[in-house]
Amino acid sequence: MAIGRISGSVLKSNLTRNGVDLAFETNLLYLDVTNSRVGIGTSEPTSTLQVNGTTTTTGLTANGAINIDGTGTSNIDNVIIGANTPVAGTFTTLNANTSATLASGSTAGTLTLANGSITDSSGAISFGDENLTTTGTLTVSGFTFPSADGSNGQVLQTDGAGNITFAESSGGGGGNNTAVKQFNHYKLGTTSAVVDEFDITEYRGAIYDIVLEDQDNGFVGHLKVSVVHDGTTPYVSTYNVNEDSTRIADFTVAISGDMVQLSASTNTSSHTNLRIYRIALGDHHETVANTNSKIIATSTNIGSSATTLDQFTKTDIRGAKYIIL
């Protein structure tokens, strides 16, 4: 007999079943009295509370472990474990659509971040279209990159032991001739900027061949700049061959510590590109193998008689240009 409606307080405050299970609509709600289990959507609950279907709640507090079997998709907007702090754990796969914070010691077989940040992690990380930014030193496969930028025109070089640093670009004659250098300086403006520098103990001076491209005014210029120093005072000379004698840029020289610095600034333009070819002049690299560039230093007194300063094999080199300091 089915009772359609009961009104009033007709039920006891504590109903006992004496070991007999109770089912509502077969498996809509099932009370496993024998094992002290409750099933929703199932008549055979295997845990204290088992729900067969989608569960919606405005809050979930767990004082023990939470196990997600991974056979389906678990969408969790925000998870706080413990006293508002992340704890270490092991994850086979972890997908985060907002942000994922993992404590030190956490491991993840595959960690995919769609949109957010990772505070601390270990394992394989796939960022997709996201950028990787670090404020410390970055080491990749044993190679350690510098944590600060170098000077304009410098390149990265390795010491063969995994350390990568910024260094001057050698270029030009080839071999190990560091006196010859070819480089660019972009977006020179009216504020003076250092375009090149060299060691005061390494070279006595330098000759620069510079092509200027004034992007604001549409000018193209060509300069010859000579720099020399006596150990304490630097000197600079500029030979203008600019278009219509227009002074596109001015050059100055100064000594900063052990470095001779060549600086430049434009007269009116905020965007002038410089393409520079430098030949340094010095006493400390008198000969260099495997190159067609050579620095010659001599203490021979030159008098009225002819003195040989240099020679080359005519079958190797057709001619030579000498810059004499």
C-alpha atoms as a PDB file:
ATOM      1  CA  MET A   1       0.000   0.000   0.000  1.00  0.00           C
ATOM      2  CA  ALA A   2       1.343   3.402  -1.001  1.00  0.00           C
ATOM      3  CA  ILE A   3       0.805   6.457   1.167  1.00  0.00           C
ATOM      4  CA  GLY A   4       0.530   9.567  -0.976  1.00  0.00           C
ATOM      5  CA  ARG A   5       0.645  12.156   1.802  1.00  0.00           C
ATOM      6  CA  ILE A   6       1.486  12.366   5.486  1.00  0.00           C
ATOM      7  CA  SER A   7       0.798  15.494   7.449  1.00  0.00           C
ATOM      8  CA  GLY A   8       1.852  16.373  10.957  1.00  0.00           C
ATOM      9  CA  SER A   9       4.567  14.897  13.183  1.00  0.00           C
ATOM     10  CA  VAL A  10       3.930  11.185  12.693  1.00  0.00           C
ATOM     11  CA  LEU A  11       7.576  10.011  12.407  1.00  0.00           C
ATOM     12  CA  LYS A  12       9.908   9.237  15.302  1.00  0.00           C
ATOM     13  CA  SER A  13      12.993  11.414  15.856  1.00  0.00           C
ATOM     14  CA  ASN A  14      15.209   8.348  15.370  1.00  0.00           C
ATOM     15  CA  LEU A  15      14.081   5.722  12.873  1.00  0.00           C
ATOM     16  CA  THR A  16      15.742   2.327  13.135  1.00  0.00           C
ATOM     17  CA  ARG A  17      15.712  -0.306  10.398  1.00  0.00           C
ATOM     18  CA  ASN A  18      17.053  -3.272  12.350  1.00  0.00           C
ATOM     19  CA  GLY A  19      19.544  -4.188   9.634  1.00  0.00           C
ATOM     20  CA  VAL A  20      17.104  -3.796   6.692  1.00  0.00           C
ATOM     21  CA  ASP A  21      18.111  -1.474   3.837  1.00  0.00           C
ATOM     22  CA  LEU A  22      15.758   1.249   2.615  1.00  0.00           C
ATOM     23  CA  ALA A  23      15.271   2.309  -1.010  1.00  0.00           C
ATOM     24  CA  PHE A  24      13.388   5.286  -2.457  1.00  0.00           C
ATOM     25  CA  GLU A  25      12.346   4.855  -6.084  1.00  0.00           C
ATOM     26  CA  THR A  26      14.792   1.935  -6.369  1.00  0.00           C
ATOM     27  CA  ASN A  27      18.019   3.982  -6.530  1.00  0.00           C
ATOM     28  CA  LEU A  28      16.957   7.627  -6.242  1.00  0.00           C
ATOM     29  CA  LEU A  29      18.027   7.441  -2.594  1.00  0.00           C
ATOM     30  CA  TYR A  30      19.346   4.239  -1.102  1.00  0.00           C
ATOM     31  CA  LEU A  31      20.243   3.632   2.550  1.00  0.00           C
ATOM     32  CA  ASP A  32      22.669   0.740   3.039  1.00  0.00           C
ATOM     33  CA  VAL A  33      21.956   0.147   6.724  1.00  0.00           C
ATOM     34  CA  THR A  34      24.214  -2.892   6.944  1.00  0.00           C
ATOM     35  CA  ASN A  35      27.373  -1.024   5.811  1.00  0.00           C
ATOM     36  CA  SER A  36      26.265   2.453   6.948  1.00  0.00           C
ATOM     37  CA  ARG A  37      26.365   3.872   3.402  1.00  0.00           C
ATOM     38  CA  VAL A  38      24.189   6.290   1.433  1.00  0.00           C
ATOM     39  CA  GLY A  39      23.772   6.059  -2.319  1.00  0.00           C
ATOM     40  CA  ILE A  40      22.306   8.709  -4.627  1.00  0.00           C
ATOM     41  CA  GLY A  41      21.560   7.406  -8.087  1.00  0.00           C
ATOM     42  CA  THR A  42      22.865   3.973  -7.116  1.00  0.00           C
ATOM     43  CA  SER A  43      21.533   1.103  -5.035  1.00  0.00           C
ATOM     44  CA  GLU A  44      25.018  -0.288  -4.352  1.00  0.00           C
ATOM     45  CA  PRO A  45      27.094   2.469  -2.709  1.00  0.00           C
ATOM     46  CA  THR A  46      30.729   1.472  -2.148  1.00  0.00           C
ATOM     47  CA  SER A  47      31.657   4.375   0.139  1.00  0.00           C
ATOM     48  CA  THR A  48      30.034   6.325   2.942  1.00  0.00           C
ATOM     49  CA  LEU A  49      28.426   8.634   0.352  1.00  0.00           C
ATOM     50  CA  GLN A  50      28.366   7.766  -3.324  1.00  0.00           C
ATOM     51  CA  VAL A  51      26.751   9.968  -5.956  1.00  0.00           C
ATOM     52  CA  ASN A  52      26.188   8.587  -9.434  1.00  0.00           C
ATOM     53  CA  GLY A  53      25.814  11.773 -11.474  1.00  0.00           C
ATOM     54  CA  THR A  54      26.722  15.477 -11.402  1.00  0.00           C
ATOM     55  CA  THR A  55      27.077  17.117  -7.999  1.00  0.00           C
ATOM     56  CA  THR A  56      26.641  20.856  -7.480  1.00  0.00           C
ATOM     57  CA  THR A  57      27.656  22.565  -4.236  1.00  0.00           C
ATOM     58  CA  THR A  58      28.384  26.131  -3.133  1.00  0.00           C
ATOM     59  CA  GLY A  59      31.179  25.002  -0.838  1.00  0.00           C
ATOM     60  CA  LEU A  60      33.260  21.921  -0.152  1.00  0.00           C
ATOM     61  CA  THR A  61      35.404  21.338   2.926  1.00  0.00           C
ATOM     62  CA  ALA A  62      37.546  18.202   3.061  1.00  0.00           C
ATOM     63  CA  ASN A  63      39.550  17.226   6.119  1.00  0.00           C
ATOM     64  CA  GLY A  64      41.040  14.193   4.417  1.00  0.00           C
ATOM     65  CA  ALA A  65      42.277  13.165   0.991  1.00  0.00           C
ATOM     66  CA  ILE A  66      40.422  14.040  -2.219  1.00  0.00           C
ATOM     67  CA  ASN A  67      40.897  11.449  -4.974  1.00  0.00           C
ATOM     68  CA  ILE A  68      39.979  12.213  -8.590  1.00  0.00           C
ATOM     69  CA  ASP A  69      40.287   9.102 -10.761  1.00  0.00           C
ATOM     70  CA  GLY A  70      40.977  11.057 -13.959  1.00  0.00           C
ATOM     71  CA  THR A  71      38.514   9.136 -16.158  1.00  0.00           C
ATOM     72  CA  GLY A  72      36.427  12.274 -16.624  1.00  0.00           C
ATOM     73  CA  THR A  73      36.890  16.036 -16.673  1.00  0.00           C
ATOM     74  CA  SER A  74      37.137  17.855 -13.339  1.00  0.00           C
ATOM     75  CA  ASN A  75      36.450  21.584 -13.551  1.00  0.00           C
ATOM     76  CA  ILE A  76      37.587  23.391 -10.376  1.00  0.00           C
ATOM     77  CA  ASP A  77      37.704  27.203 -10.310  1.00  0.00           C
ATOM     78  CA  ASN A  78      39.623  27.564  -7.041  1.00  0.00           C
ATOM     79  CA  VAL A  79      41.070  25.013  -4.632  1.00  0.00           C
ATOM     80  CA  ILE A  80      42.483  25.796  -1.188  1.00  0.00           C
ATOM     81  CA  ILE A  81      44.249  22.930   0.532  1.00  0.00           C
ATOM     82  CA  GLY A  82      45.113  23.359   4.205  1.00  0.00           C
ATOM     83  CA  ALA A  83      45.388  26.828   5.761  1.00  0.00           C
ATOM     84  CA  ASN A  84      45.208  28.793   2.486  1.00  0.00           C
ATOM     85  CA  THR A  85      48.644  27.523   1.439  1.00  0.00           C
ATOM     86  CA  PRO A  86      49.539  25.053  -1.312  1.00  0.00           C
ATOM     87  CA  VAL A  87      51.008  21.698  -0.335  1.00  0.00           C
ATOM     88  CA  ALA A  88      53.347  19.412  -2.196  1.00  0.00           C
ATOM     89  CA  GLY A  89      51.802  16.664  -4.275  1.00  0.00           C
ATOM     90  CA  THR A  90      52.315  14.381  -7.241  1.00  0.00           C
ATOM     91  CA  PHE A  91      50.204  14.923 -10.352  1.00  0.00           C
ATOM     92  CA  THR A  92      50.113  12.736 -13.453  1.00  0.00           C
ATOM     93  CA  THR A  93      48.308  15.450 -15.428  1.00  0.00           C
ATOM     94  CA  LEU A  94      47.350  18.916 -14.203  1.00  0.00           C
ATOM     95  CA  ASN A  95      45.433  21.395 -16.367  1.00  0.00           C
ATOM     96  CA  ALA A  96      44.856  24.954 -15.098  1.00  0.00           C
ATOM     97  CA  ASN A  97      42.714  27.543 -16.904  1.00  0.00           C
ATOM     98  CA  THR A  98      43.459  30.348 -14.410  1.00  0.00           C
ATOM     99  CA  SER A  99      46.543  29.977 -12.218  1.00  0.00           C
ATOM    100  CA  ALA A 100      48.339  27.056 -10.625  1.00  0.00           C
ATOM    101  CA  THR A 101      50.469  27.407  -7.504  1.00  0.00           C
ATOM    102  CA  LEU A 102      52.527  24.368  -6.545  1.00  0.00           C
ATOM    103  CA  ALA A 103      54.554  24.119  -3.372  1.00  0.00           C
ATOM    104  CA  SER A 104      58.251  23.262  -3.391  1.00  0.00           C
ATOM    105  CA  GLY A 105      58.646  19.536  -3.884  1.00  0.00           C
ATOM    106  CA  SER A 106      55.586  19.130  -6.091  1.00  0.00           C
ATOM    107  CA  THR A 107      55.969  17.054  -9.235  1.00  0.00           C
ATOM    108  CA  ALA A 108      53.898  16.919 -12.382  1.00  0.00           C
ATOM    109  CA  GLY A 109      54.263  14.514 -15.263  1.00  0.00           C
ATOM    110  CA  THR A 110      52.510  16.911 -17.675  1.00  0.00           C
ATOM    111  CA  LEU A 111      51.632  20.447 -16.580  1.00  0.00           C
ATOM    112  CA  THR A 112      49.673  22.538 -19.104  1.00  0.00           C
ATOM    113  CA  LEU A 113      48.871  26.195 -18.401  1.00  0.00           C
ATOM    114  CA  ALA A 114      46.220  27.805 -20.576  1.00  0.00           C
ATOM    115  CA  ASN A 115      46.135  31.267 -19.029  1.00  0.00           C
ATOM    116  CA  GLY A 116      47.870  32.258 -15.801  1.00  0.00           C
ATOM    117  CA  SER A 117      51.159  31.789 -13.991  1.00  0.00           C
ATOM    118  CA  ILE A 118      53.217  29.079 -12.310  1.00  0.00           C
ATOM    119  CA  THR A 119      54.844  29.966  -9.001  1.00  0.00           C
ATOM    120  CA  ASP A 120      56.934  26.844  -8.445  1.00  0.00           C
ATOM    121  CA  SER A 121      56.918  23.595 -10.406  1.00  0.00           C
ATOM    122  CA  SER A 122      58.946  20.610 -11.471  1.00  0.00           C
ATOM    123  CA  GLY A 123      58.506  18.404 -14.504  1.00  0.00           C
ATOM    124  CA  ALA A 124      57.602  18.874 -18.150  1.00  0.00           C
ATOM    125  CA  ILE A 125      55.900  22.220 -18.763  1.00  0.00           C
ATOM    126  CA  SER A 126      54.018  23.258 -21.915  1.00  0.00           C
ATOM    127  CA  PHE A 127      53.234  26.994 -22.142  1.00  0.00           C
ATOM    128  CA  GLY A 128      51.569  27.086 -25.555  1.00  0.00           C
ATOM    129  CA  ASP A 129      51.346  30.754 -26.579  1.00  0.00           C
ATOM    130  CA  GLU A 130      52.350  32.054 -23.134  1.00  0.00           C
ATOM    131  CA  ASN A 131      55.686  33.826 -22.483  1.00  0.00           C
ATOM    132  CA  LEU A 132      58.337  32.523 -20.106  1.00  0.00           C
ATOM    133  CA  THR A 133      59.703  35.290 -17.866  1.00  0.00           C
ATOM    134  CA  THR A 134      62.270  34.939 -15.095  1.00  0.00           C
ATOM    135  CA  THR A 135      63.966  37.546 -12.904  1.00  0.00           C
ATOM    136  CA  GLY A 136      66.875  35.237 -12.067  1.00  0.00           C
ATOM    137  CA  THR A 137      69.393  33.239 -14.056  1.00  0.00           C
ATOM    138  CA  LEU A 138      68.024  30.935 -16.756  1.00  0.00           C
ATOM    139  CA  THR A 139      69.754  27.577 -17.287  1.00  0.00           C
ATOM    140  CA  VAL A 140      68.717  25.364 -20.214  1.00  0.00           C
ATOM    141  CA  SER A 141      70.290  21.934 -20.733  1.00  0.00           C
ATOM    142  CA  GLY A 142      73.416  22.995 -18.837  1.00  0.00           C
ATOM    143  CA  PHE A 143      73.762  26.393 -20.574  1.00  0.00           C
ATOM    144  CA  THR A 144      73.486  29.389 -18.208  1.00  0.00           C
ATOM    145  CA  PHE A 145      72.356  32.645 -19.831  1.00  0.00           C
ATOM    146  CA  PRO A 146      73.300  36.108 -18.481  1.00  0.00           C
ATOM    147  CA  SER A 147      70.774  37.792 -16.182  1.00  0.00           C
ATOM    148  CA  ALA A 148      71.401  41.310 -17.587  1.00  0.00           C
ATOM    149  CA  ASP A 149      71.553  42.783 -21.086  1.00  0.00           C
ATOM    150  CA  GLY A 150      74.854  43.658 -22.767  1.00  0.00           C
ATOM    151  CA  SER A 151      75.889  46.773 -24.683  1.00  0.00           C
ATOM    152  CA  ASN A 152      74.579  47.780 -28.099  1.00  0.00           C
ATOM    153  CA  GLY A 153      76.045  45.595 -30.846  1.00  0.00           C
ATOM    154  CA  GLN A 154      77.376  42.887 -28.529  1.00  0.00           C
ATOM    155  CA  VAL A 155      76.739  39.199 -29.183  1.00  0.00           C
ATOM    156  CA  LEU A 156      76.404  36.101 -27.005  1.00  0.00           C
ATOM    157  CA  GLN A 157      79.455  33.863 -26.620  1.00  0.00           C
ATOM    158  CA  THR A 158      80.185  30.693 -24.629  1.00  0.00           C
ATOM    159  CA  ASP A 159      83.280  29.764 -22.629  1.00  0.00           C
ATOM    160  CA  GLY A 160      82.870  26.095 -23.564  1.00  0.00           C
ATOM    161  CA  ALA A 161      81.817  25.233 -20.000  1.00  0.00           C
ATOM    162  CA  GLY A 162      78.143  26.157 -20.257  1.00  0.00           C
ATOM    163  CA  ASN A 163      78.472  29.853 -19.330  1.00  0.00           C
ATOM    164  CA  ILE A 164      77.083  32.312 -21.898  1.00  0.00           C
ATOM    165  CA  THR A 165      78.031  35.992 -21.721  1.00  0.00           C
ATOM    166  CA  PHE A 166      77.806  39.131 -23.872  1.00  0.00           C
ATOM    167  CA  ALA A 167      80.950  40.068 -25.808  1.00  0.00           C
ATOM    168  CA  GLU A 168      82.055  42.371 -28.588  1.00  0.00           C
ATOM    169  CA  SER A 169      81.321  41.183 -32.111  1.00  0.00           C
ATOM    170  CA  SER A 170      84.535  40.433 -34.040  1.00  0.00           C
ATOM    171  CA  GLY A 171      83.596  40.488 -37.724  1.00  0.00           C
ATOM    172  CA  GLY A 172      85.672  41.782 -40.642  1.00  0.00           C
ATOM    173  CA  GLY A 173      88.971  40.138 -41.532  1.00  0.00           C
ATOM    174  CA  GLY A 174      88.227  36.767 -39.927  1.00  0.00           C
ATOM    175  CA  GLY A 175      90.559  34.546 -37.929  1.00  0.00           C
ATOM    176  CA  ASN A 176      91.128  35.809 -34.397  1.00  0.00           C
ATOM    177  CA  ASN A 177      91.533  39.452 -35.378  1.00  0.00           C
ATOM    178  CA  THR A 178      89.474  41.286 -32.737  1.00  0.00           C
ATOM    179  CA  ALA A 179      90.647  44.684 -33.998  1.00  0.00           C
ATOM    180  CA  VAL A 180      88.269  44.517 -36.959  1.00  0.00           C
ATOM    181  CA  LYS A 181      84.605  44.895 -36.080  1.00  0.00           C
ATOM    182  CA  GLN A 182      81.453  45.443 -38.116  1.00  0.00           C
ATOM    183  CA  PHE A 183      78.201  46.327 -36.335  1.00  0.00           C
ATOM    184  CA  ASN A 184      75.054  48.478 -36.387  1.00  0.00           C
ATOM    185  CA  HIS A 185      73.608  51.048 -33.995  1.00  0.00           C
ATOM    186  CA  TYR A 186      69.881  51.652 -34.432  1.00  0.00           C
ATOM    187  CA  LYS A 187      67.660  54.627 -33.594  1.00  0.00           C
ATOM    188  CA  LEU A 188      70.289  57.189 -32.674  1.00  0.00           C
ATOM    189  CA  GLY A 189      68.620  60.395 -31.444  1.00  0.00           C
ATOM    190  CA  THR A 190      69.523  63.839 -30.144  1.00  0.00           C
ATOM    191  CA  THR A 191      70.640  62.362 -26.801  1.00  0.00           C
ATOM    192  CA  SER A 192      74.295  61.320 -26.847  1.00  0.00           C
ATOM    193  CA  ALA A 193      74.779  57.536 -26.822  1.00  0.00           C
ATOM    194  CA  VAL A 194      77.888  55.332 -26.756  1.00  0.00           C
ATOM    195  CA  VAL A 195      78.152  53.573 -30.124  1.00  0.00           C
ATOM    196  CA  ASP A 196      81.480  51.777 -29.518  1.00  0.00           C
ATOM    197  CA  GLU A 197      84.247  51.344 -26.972  1.00  0.00           C
ATOM    198  CA  PHE A 198      87.639  49.632 -26.737  1.00  0.00           C
ATOM    199  CA  ASP A 199      90.214  48.892 -24.047  1.00  0.00           C
ATOM    200  CA  ILE A 200      92.645  51.761 -23.525  1.00  0.00           C
ATOM    201  CA  THR A 201      95.467  49.278 -22.849  1.00  0.00           C
ATOM    202  CA  GLU A 202      94.619  47.234 -25.939  1.00  0.00           C
ATOM    203  CA  TYR A 203      94.508  49.804 -28.734  1.00  0.00           C
ATOM    204  CA  ARG A 204      95.997  53.244 -29.366  1.00  0.00           C
ATOM    205  CA  GLY A 205      93.137  54.355 -31.576  1.00  0.00           C
ATOM    206  CA  ALA A 206      90.555  53.312 -34.161  1.00  0.00           C
ATOM    207  CA  ILE A 207      89.390  54.243 -37.637  1.00  0.00           C
ATOM    208  CA  TYR A 208      85.612  54.147 -38.258  1.00  0.00           C
ATOM    209  CA  ASP A 209      83.834  54.015 -41.595  1.00  0.00           C
ATOM    210  CA  ILE A 210      80.207  54.967 -40.848  1.00  0.00           C
ATOM    211  CA  VAL A 211      77.129  55.081 -43.067  1.00  0.00           C
ATOM    212  CA  LEU A 212      74.216  57.094 -41.599  1.00  0.00           C
ATOM    213  CA  GLU A 213      70.547  56.746 -42.555  1.00  0.00           C
ATOM    214  CA  ASP A 214      68.366  59.574 -41.201  1.00  0.00           C
ATOM    215  CA  GLN A 215      64.885  58.023 -41.195  1.00  0.00           C
ATOM    216  CA  ASP A 216      63.119  61.244 -40.130  1.00  0.00           C
ATOM    217  CA  ASN A 217      64.550  63.581 -42.777  1.00  0.00           C
ATOM    218  CA  GLY A 218      65.395  61.084 -45.510  1.00  0.00           C
ATOM    219  CA  PHE A 219      69.150  61.836 -45.492  1.00  0.00           C
ATOM    220  CA  VAL A 220      71.983  59.422 -46.141  1.00  0.00           C
ATOM    221  CA  GLY A 221      75.503  60.245 -44.965  1.00  0.00           C
ATOM    222  CA  HIS A 222      78.995  58.747 -45.028  1.00  0.00           C
ATOM    223  CA  LEU A 223      81.650  59.580 -42.432  1.00  0.00           C
ATOM    224  CA  LYS A 224      85.270  58.780 -41.656  1.00  0.00           C
ATOM    225  CA  VAL A 225      85.934  59.087 -37.912  1.00  0.00           C
ATOM    226  CA  SER A 226      89.431  58.769 -36.422  1.00  0.00           C
ATOM    227  CA  VAL A 227      90.038  58.243 -32.687  1.00  0.00           C
ATOM    228  CA  VAL A 228      93.428  58.316 -30.905  1.00  0.00           C
ATOM    229  CA  HIS A 229      94.542  58.683 -27.278  1.00  0.00           C
ATOM    230  CA  ASP A 230      97.772  59.190 -25.340  1.00  0.00           C
ATOM    231  CA  GLY A 231      96.706  57.184 -22.318  1.00  0.00           C
ATOM    232  CA  THR A 232      94.902  60.009 -20.544  1.00  0.00           C
ATOM    233  CA  THR A 233      93.297  62.212 -23.202  1.00  0.00           C
ATOM    234  CA  PRO A 234      91.305  61.009 -26.253  1.00  0.00           C
ATOM    235  CA  TYR A 235      91.003  62.883 -29.542  1.00  0.00           C
ATOM    236  CA  VAL A 236      88.511  62.545 -32.388  1.00  0.00           C
ATOM    237  CA  SER A 237      88.459  63.820 -35.975  1.00  0.00           C
ATOM    238  CA  THR A 238      85.490  63.586 -38.371  1.00  0.00           C
ATOM    239  CA  TYR A 239      85.611  63.807 -42.154  1.00  0.00           C
ATOM    240  CA  ASN A 240      82.179  64.640 -43.495  1.00  0.00           C
ATOM    241  CA  VAL A 241      81.020  63.393 -46.848  1.00  0.00           C
ATOM    242  CA  ASN A 242      77.339  63.780 -46.017  1.00  0.00           C
ATOM    243  CA  GLU A 243      74.614  64.520 -48.484  1.00  0.00           C
ATOM    244  CA  ASP A 244      74.605  68.294 -49.223  1.00  0.00           C
ATOM    245  CA  SER A 245      77.120  68.754 -46.356  1.00  0.00           C
ATOM    246  CA  THR A 246      74.277  68.181 -43.863  1.00  0.00           C
ATOM    247  CA  ARG A 247      75.505  67.424 -40.344  1.00  0.00           C
ATOM    248  CA  ILE A 248      73.415  64.349 -39.640  1.00  0.00           C
ATOM    249  CA  ALA A 249      75.306  63.403 -36.464  1.00  0.00           C
ATOM    250  CA  ASP A 250      78.131  64.649 -34.255  1.00  0.00           C
ATOM    251  CA  PHE A 251      80.728  62.426 -32.573  1.00  0.00           C
ATOM    252  CA  THR A 252      82.578  62.834 -29.283  1.00  0.00           C
ATOM    253  CA  VAL A 253      85.100  60.681 -27.454  1.00  0.00           C
ATOM    254  CA  ALA A 254      85.834  60.136 -23.758  1.00  0.00           C
ATOM    255  CA  ILE A 255      87.726  57.783 -21.446  1.00  0.00           C
ATOM    256  CA  SER A 256      85.626  55.894 -18.905  1.00  0.00           C
ATOM    257  CA  GLY A 257      87.731  53.709 -16.630  1.00  0.00           C
ATOM    258  CA  ASP A 258      89.858  51.552 -18.920  1.00  0.00           C
ATOM    259  CA  MET A 259      87.621  52.097 -21.939  1.00  0.00           C
ATOM    260  CA  VAL A 260      87.768  54.646 -24.750  1.00  0.00           C
ATOM    261  CA  GLN A 261      84.165  55.410 -25.707  1.00  0.00           C
ATOM    262  CA  LEU A 262      82.946  56.853 -28.999  1.00  0.00           C
ATOM    263  CA  SER A 263      79.575  58.599 -28.582  1.00  0.00           C
ATOM    264  CA  ALA A 264      77.230  60.150 -31.122  1.00  0.00           C
ATOM    265  CA  SER A 265      74.068  62.235 -31.253  1.00  0.00           C
ATOM    266  CA  THR A 266      71.935  63.567 -34.087  1.00  0.00           C
ATOM    267  CA  ASN A 267      71.192  67.248 -34.701  1.00  0.00           C
ATOM    268  CA  THR A 268      67.423  67.004 -35.218  1.00  0.00           C
ATOM    269  CA  SER A 269      66.479  63.401 -35.992  1.00  0.00           C
ATOM    270  CA  SER A 270      65.092  60.976 -33.428  1.00  0.00           C
ATOM    271  CA  HIS A 271      65.743  57.932 -35.644  1.00  0.00           C
ATOM    272  CA  THR A 272      69.082  57.576 -37.404  1.00  0.00           C
ATOM    273  CA  ASN A 273      70.630  54.172 -38.077  1.00  0.00           C
ATOM    274  CA  LEU A 274      74.434  53.762 -38.122  1.00  0.00           C
ATOM    275  CA  ARG A 275      76.240  50.994 -40.002  1.00  0.00           C
ATOM    276  CA  ILE A 276      79.791  50.955 -38.672  1.00  0.00           C
ATOM    277  CA  TYR A 277      83.039  49.297 -39.776  1.00  0.00           C
ATOM    278  CA  ARG A 278      85.890  49.694 -37.286  1.00  0.00           C
ATOM    279  CA  ILE A 279      89.612  49.009 -37.556  1.00  0.00           C
ATOM    280  CA  ALA A 280      91.383  49.416 -34.204  1.00  0.00           C
ATOM    281  CA  LEU A 281      94.996  50.558 -34.082  1.00  0.00           C
ATOM    282  CA  GLY A 282      97.277  49.310 -31.332  1.00  0.00           C
ATOM    283  CA  ASP A 283     100.597  47.971 -30.124  1.00  0.00           C
ATOM    284  CA  HIS A 284      99.480  44.714 -28.532  1.00  0.00           C
ATOM    285  CA  HIS A 285      98.315  42.672 -31.521  1.00  0.00           C
ATOM    286  CA  GLU A 286     101.225  43.105 -33.889  1.00  0.00           C
ATOM    287  CA  THR A 287     100.493  40.070 -36.051  1.00  0.00           C
ATOM    288  CA  VAL A 288      97.420  37.897 -36.400  1.00  0.00           C
ATOM    289  CA  ALA A 289      97.366  34.581 -38.265  1.00  0.00           C
ATOM    290  CA  ASN A 290      94.760  33.548 -40.857  1.00  0.00           C
ATOM    291  CA  THR A 291      93.527  37.032 -41.688  1.00  0.00           C
ATOM    292  CA  ASN A 292      94.183  39.721 -44.253  1.00  0.00           C
ATOM    293  CA  SER A 293      94.127  42.458 -41.581  1.00  0.00           C
ATOM    294  CA  LYS A 294      97.246  43.227 -39.580  1.00  0.00           C
ATOM    295  CA  ILE A 295      98.326  45.742 -36.958  1.00  0.00           C
ATOM    296  CA  ILE A 296     101.990  46.722 -37.132  1.00  0.00           C
ATOM    297  CA  ALA A 297     103.908  48.315 -34.279  1.00  0.00           C
ATOM    298  CA  THR A 298     107.561  49.268 -34.612  1.00  0.00           C
ATOM    299  CA  SER A 299     110.094  51.115 -32.513  1.00  0.00           C
ATOM    300  CA  THR A 300     112.542  51.402 -35.417  1.00  0.00           C
ATOM    301  CA  ASN A 301     113.799  54.942 -35.950  1.00  0.00           C
ATOM    302  CA  ILE A 302     112.896  56.171 -39.387  1.00  0.00           C
ATOM    303  CA  GLY A 303     115.518  58.376 -40.983  1.00  0.00           C
ATOM    304  CA  SER A 304     116.501  59.491 -44.446  1.00  0.00           C
ATOM    305  CA  SER A 305     117.161  55.913 -45.544  1.00  0.00           C
ATOM    306  CA  ALA A 306     114.281  53.670 -46.599  1.00  0.00           C
ATOM    307  CA  THR A 307     112.976  51.446 -43.803  1.00  0.00           C
ATOM    308  CA  THR A 308     110.770  48.389 -44.434  1.00  0.00           C
ATOM    309  CA  LEU A 309     107.668  48.569 -42.259  1.00  0.00           C
ATOM    310  CA  ASP A 310     105.683  45.707 -43.817  1.00  0.00           C
ATOM    311  CA  GLN A 311     105.679  43.232 -46.653  1.00  0.00           C
ATOM    312  CA  PHE A 312     103.318  40.617 -48.118  1.00  0.00           C
ATOM    313  CA  THR A 313     103.450  37.858 -50.727  1.00  0.00           C
ATOM    314  CA  LYS A 314     102.301  39.099 -54.111  1.00  0.00           C
ATOM    315  CA  THR A 315     100.735  35.739 -54.984  1.00  0.00           C
ATOM    316  CA  ASP A 316      98.456  35.911 -51.911  1.00  0.00           C
ATOM    317  CA  ILE A 317      97.386  39.558 -51.839  1.00  0.00           C
ATOM    318  CA  ARG A 318      96.887  41.901 -54.801  1.00  0.00           C
ATOM    319  CA  GLY A 319      97.196  45.114 -52.799  1.00  0.00           C
ATOM    320  CA  ALA A 320      96.881  46.720 -49.378  1.00  0.00           C
ATOM    321  CA  LYS A 321      95.617  49.914 -47.775  1.00  0.00           C
ATOM    322  CA  TYR A 322      97.594  51.337 -44.838  1.00  0.00           C
ATOM    323  CA  ILE A 323      96.290  53.582 -42.089  1.00  0.00           C
ATOM    324  CA  ILE A 324      99.262  55.130 -40.307  1.00  0.00           C
ATOM    325  CA  LEU A 325      99.050  56.531 -36.816  1.00  0.00           C
END
